[in-house]
C-alpha cells in the first residue's frame, strides 16, 4: 500500500488549517490525501445502544459528510488540484478512527489541527499512531475578536430585522361633490 497523508477534519478553524497543510504535503510528496471525519451519536454509544434508531444514525452520518464536504469547499472551493483525495466518514471516536485508518502503513503521515492545550484526540493519536504525526496550530485570532466571539449567543443571530422605514404619506384625494 502506498503512503498516504491522513488528516482529521471537523470543520473547526484548526482542522481547516490542517486540511490545507495536508493537501500541500500530499501534493509535494505525491501521496494520496485521506480526509477523515469521525462522528458518534450525540448522547454517546452507550445510550444509543439502549435505544438504537437507524434513521437518526443516518442523519448524523449525513451531517458529518456535509461537514466534510463543506470543509473542502471552504478551503479549496471544491476538490484540491493536483492531488488524489479519499473522503472517509467513520462512526467512532476521532483519535481511534485516525489511528485505525493510518495503521495500514508506517509510511503514512497523520496531520491534525490543534487549538490551545492538549485535546483528547491529539493525545490519543500521538500515543497510539504507528506513523509520523504532524500538528498544525489553529490560525491566530486577535484578542479583541476572541473576546467578542466568546460573548456571541445564538440569539444574536436570531434578532428580528429592523422595521422598514415609514412610507411617505400621500396627499388625500380631492373631495368629490356628491351632487
Foldseek 3Di string as FASTA:
>chain_A
DDAAEEEEADLDLQSLQQLVVRVVVCLVVVHAYEYEYEEEPPVGPVVCVVPPDVVVVVVRLVVRVVSVQVSCCVNPVGHDPRHHYHYYYYYDDLLVVRQVVQVVDQNYEYEYGDEPDDDPSNVSNVVRHSHHYHYGYRDDDDPVVVVVVVPDDVVVVVDDDDDDDDDDDDDDDDDDDPD
